[in-house]
């Protein structure tokens, strides 16, 4: 007897929910996320709604938009938005769609004085107000004040910018809980971004952030570049916000390759005790992760394009005093080389992993004790996906 498509869908949904239920156990007994969470188009659409459209999602550091009129057009989990700095210096976010007939307004990044639709020339101020709607003066009951750009919630904390599509989601400060206190030693708000690059990777967005938050892969993927720098980490921290964090000491500066340790920059002034000799790795759910080192932070925000394609933004930040040093430009090149080298080693491993996950024979696995932050995210993700 054949199974109808509807029944097959119900069976698949039940199997997914059962698999996600196995993720929610303590790490010692928990299963990893099922492979379909990385490869299945239906799961990808479900997570866009359950994870990205109901969360505060990172869009980079606030100094990505340095001056009034600076903008970036972002496709965020299938939703086109504009993030920009208005004439008063405040960050704003809007739907990237004209209020007339829906044309996309901006693409890429740059600076603008106003936002002008390329289709019918409707023109908006940087605060979203409609300024000009050609030949609409004779349209009955048309009020320009009711036809400004559709706003998107945007807030920032410690120099990181976040947007949210869900009006019922709590404020960012509540979402992040004790995040600021956890990272207070690094004075994150005072950091300045000195380099940003974007690239695409042929893997699922979750895989990309997972590799950044576990020590287990270091000997195999970074044997000659980074593995020798890292001691076994502390236990994962107990936190109150929508994030996970883990600190570990290092044998040298983790922001430099093993072979270029002589180019280190000054330790961040506000650091004390063990924080001066290690790195804190943090994952803010769902899509931002960063490492807070002894002299710098390096962060990634990821944008899911499909099950097997991810856009990554990478930003490097230093204390303002460090970035103003006469020798900064020369020394910073060694840091940038380290970050690029690590990514160049991670990407083949991630793309190979995705090919394995895409096999119909792939199954859920188990977590190593060196993957607690990945397990924490998996539990958070499972809860979001099961919350209907």
Foldseek 3Di string as FASTA:
>chain_A
DDDDPVRVVVVVVVVQLVLLVQLQDPQVRRWARWLCCLPPQVNLLLCLVLFVQADWAWDWFPCVAPAAQKWAFDCFSNFTKIWYQHNVRDIWMFGQFFLPHTAGFDHGIDGDQWTFRPPQGFIAHPVFQTDDRPPCPPPPPDDSRVGTTHTWDWDDDLRIITTHNDPPHDDPCQQAACVCVVCVLLSSNQKDWDDKDKDKFQTAQLLVLQVQQFLVCCCPLPVQWANQFWDQWDQKDDGNHQKTKTKTFTNAWRLFTPVPRVLDFAFRPSDDDRQLGIWMWMQRPDFKIWIRHRFWMKMWGWHGPGSGMIMIMITIIGRPVLCPDPCNVVSVVRSVVSVVVSVVSVRVVRNVVSVVSNDPPGTIRHDDSRRVRSSVVSNVSSVSSPPD
